[in-house]
Amino acid sequence: MVYGFSNLSVFSDRFDPWLRVLQLLFLIGVVGTLVMLYSSYGLWRNARMRSWTTVYMAGVVLASSIFLWFTAASRILQSSLKY
């Protein structure tokens, strides 16, 4: 990426299929994150959880939220490949 910013000819049409693969991987990650957030909510409603399990689930939710923020901020899931 750093080389691409100094030499913009790297970002050409031949790089587009790899960007689509990257978008697909991010989309799979977003769907998995949403499923994980839903299951975490169900586990938090369970009153018999230990405190370390709660701390672990809070860490996973925080990491997932950061992933969702990065995906939204980088606009990697937009339909066009304008860069």
Protein backbone atom coordinates (compact mmCIF):
# COMPACT_ATOMS: atom_id res chain seq x y z
CA MET A 1 0.00 0.00 0.00
CA VAL A 2 2.80 2.44 0.83
CA TYR A 3 4.45 1.76 -2.53
CA GLY A 4 1.07 2.27 -4.22
CA PHE A 5 0.67 5.74 -2.73
CA SER A 6 4.00 6.82 -4.20
CA ASN A 7 3.42 5.03 -7.53
CA LEU A 8 -0.27 5.30 -8.46
CA SER A 9 0.09 3.12 -11.56
CA VAL A 10 0.00 0.09 -9.24
CA PHE A 11 -3.71 0.71 -8.70
CA SER A 12 -4.96 -0.23 -12.13
CA ASP A 13 -7.67 -2.46 -13.57
CA ARG A 14 -5.54 -5.58 -13.13
CA PHE A 15 -5.78 -5.12 -9.35
CA ASP A 16 -9.61 -5.04 -9.34
CA PRO A 17 -10.24 -8.83 -8.98
CA TRP A 18 -8.04 -8.90 -5.88
CA LEU A 19 -9.99 -6.00 -4.40
CA ARG A 20 -13.24 -7.90 -5.02
CA VAL A 21 -11.79 -10.92 -3.18
CA LEU A 22 -10.82 -8.62 -0.31
CA GLN A 23 -14.34 -7.18 -0.26
CA LEU A 24 -15.79 -10.71 -0.11
CA LEU A 25 -13.56 -11.56 2.86
CA PHE A 26 -14.63 -8.39 4.66
CA LEU A 27 -18.28 -9.17 3.94
CA ILE A 28 -17.89 -12.65 5.43
CA GLY A 29 -16.22 -11.05 8.45
CA VAL A 30 -19.06 -8.55 8.91
CA VAL A 31 -21.71 -11.29 8.73
CA GLY A 32 -19.73 -13.40 11.22
CA THR A 33 -19.36 -10.41 13.52
CA LEU A 34 -23.09 -9.73 13.49
CA VAL A 35 -23.83 -13.38 14.29
CA MET A 36 -21.27 -13.28 17.11
CA LEU A 37 -22.81 -10.09 18.55
CA TYR A 38 -26.23 -11.72 18.55
CA SER A 39 -24.95 -14.83 20.31
CA SER A 40 -23.04 -12.69 22.85
CA TYR A 41 -26.26 -10.90 23.69
CA GLY A 42 -27.91 -14.26 24.32
CA LEU A 43 -25.06 -15.37 26.56
CA TRP A 44 -25.15 -12.13 28.57
CA ARG A 45 -28.80 -12.69 29.30
CA ASN A 46 -27.82 -15.99 30.95
CA ALA A 47 -27.57 -15.27 34.67
CA ARG A 48 -25.24 -18.19 35.47
CA MET A 49 -22.15 -16.82 33.70
CA ARG A 50 -18.90 -16.46 35.60
CA SER A 51 -17.15 -13.13 35.80
CA TRP A 52 -14.21 -14.19 33.57
CA THR A 53 -16.63 -15.33 30.89
CA THR A 54 -18.25 -11.92 31.02
CA VAL A 55 -14.87 -10.18 30.70
CA TYR A 56 -13.94 -12.46 27.79
CA MET A 57 -17.21 -11.80 25.98
CA ALA A 58 -16.81 -8.05 26.53
CA GLY A 59 -13.36 -8.23 24.92
CA VAL A 60 -14.71 -10.14 21.93
CA VAL A 61 -17.55 -7.64 21.52
CA LEU A 62 -15.06 -4.76 21.71
CA ALA A 63 -12.81 -6.36 19.06
CA SER A 64 -15.82 -7.01 16.83
CA SER A 65 -16.97 -3.43 17.21
CA ILE A 66 -13.52 -2.18 16.21
CA PHE A 67 -13.64 -4.45 13.13
CA LEU A 68 -17.04 -3.06 12.15
CA TRP A 69 -15.82 0.50 12.66
CA PHE A 70 -12.72 -0.15 10.50
CA THR A 71 -14.85 -1.69 7.76
CA ALA A 72 -17.24 1.27 7.76
CA ALA A 73 -14.47 3.89 7.99
CA SER A 74 -12.40 2.39 5.17
CA ARG A 75 -15.49 2.03 2.95
CA ILE A 76 -14.14 -1.27 1.68
CA LEU A 77 -17.63 -2.65 1.05
CA GLN A 78 -18.76 -0.03 -1.45
CA SER A 79 -19.95 -1.31 -4.81
CA SER A 80 -17.63 0.78 -6.96
CA LEU A 81 -13.87 0.43 -7.13
CA LYS A 82 -12.99 4.12 -7.29
CA TYR A 83 -9.62 4.72 -5.66
